[in-house]
C-alpha cells in the first residue's frame, strides 16, 4: 500500500523559498503520476502542480507559474516542489497525491488521485 509523507514546510518571509518533498513508501513511485495541492483555511483544495511518471510532462496552476518547479527522483522515491518568490497568498497546507497513470499523464484535479499524504504547512509572512 502506497504511503506518502510531505516535508519541508515552514514559516518563510515574502520573497523567500522553500522546497517541499513528497516521499513514498510501500511501493515504487515510478509508475505514478504525482500532484501537489494546497488548501488554505476556508478555501477549497486547489491544484498547484503535477508531474507524469517519468517526469517528462508537468503542469502548473496559473498563480504559481514561473515561481514553482516540480521534479522527481524515482530512484529516491521522492517528488519535489521548489517554491520561489513566495507570497502571503501561498500560505496553505500543501499535500501530495499519487495515482498509477499512463505515461505522460497527470492532472491538477484532486478527485483524479487516489493516494494522499497528510500535508505540510507553509506560512508566508513577515
Foldseek 3Di string as FASTA:
>chain_A
DKAWAKDFADEAAAQAKIKIKIAIPPDQLLQKKKWKWWDDPPGDIWTAKIAWNVRPAMDGDPVQPPFWDKDDDRVRRMIMIIGGRDDQVVWTWMKMFIDRDPGNDDDGDVVVGDYIYPTDTHGYHD
